Amino acid sequence: MIQRVQSIFLFLSAASLLIIIFYFPVLRNESLSLDYYLFNSLEYVRWILFSSVGLSIFSIFQYKNMKRQKLIVSVSRLCITISLILIVFIFKDDNMIQLGTFLLLAPFLSLILANYYINKDEKLICSADRIR
């Protein structure tokens, strides 16, 4: 169901990732005074984050199969982790990390909270089955 708490966190994760991709710089080159945004540079990171957005939105509609939903959320978190590693360790050569890189933690935390509420719903369903 779309009105569940984890659906709100999954939507917040997807929306915040889209905002970060299009509006916040992730790196800044001081010598060239150039900001790197995800929508026009860092192509691999951009596609990894777009896949995370797609997985988050797809996961909202997988409420009937909670194991699959947890797996999709975990893969989405893995995509965000990989993009952070790429930004910090590979593309950081002579660039400074900007606000967009730190803001990638917000959708990551949102996915952690979504996973928590998915587990909570799963336990609630198991306890209701036990009572029957």
Foldseek 3Di string as FASTA:
>chain_A
DCPAPLNVLLQVLLVLLVCLQPPWFFKAQPVVRDTHHNVPDPPVLVVLSVVLSVLSNVLSVVLVDLVVSLVSLVSSLVSLVVSLCCVPPPVCPRIDGTDSSVSSVSSNVSSVVSSVRSVVVVVVVVVVVVVD
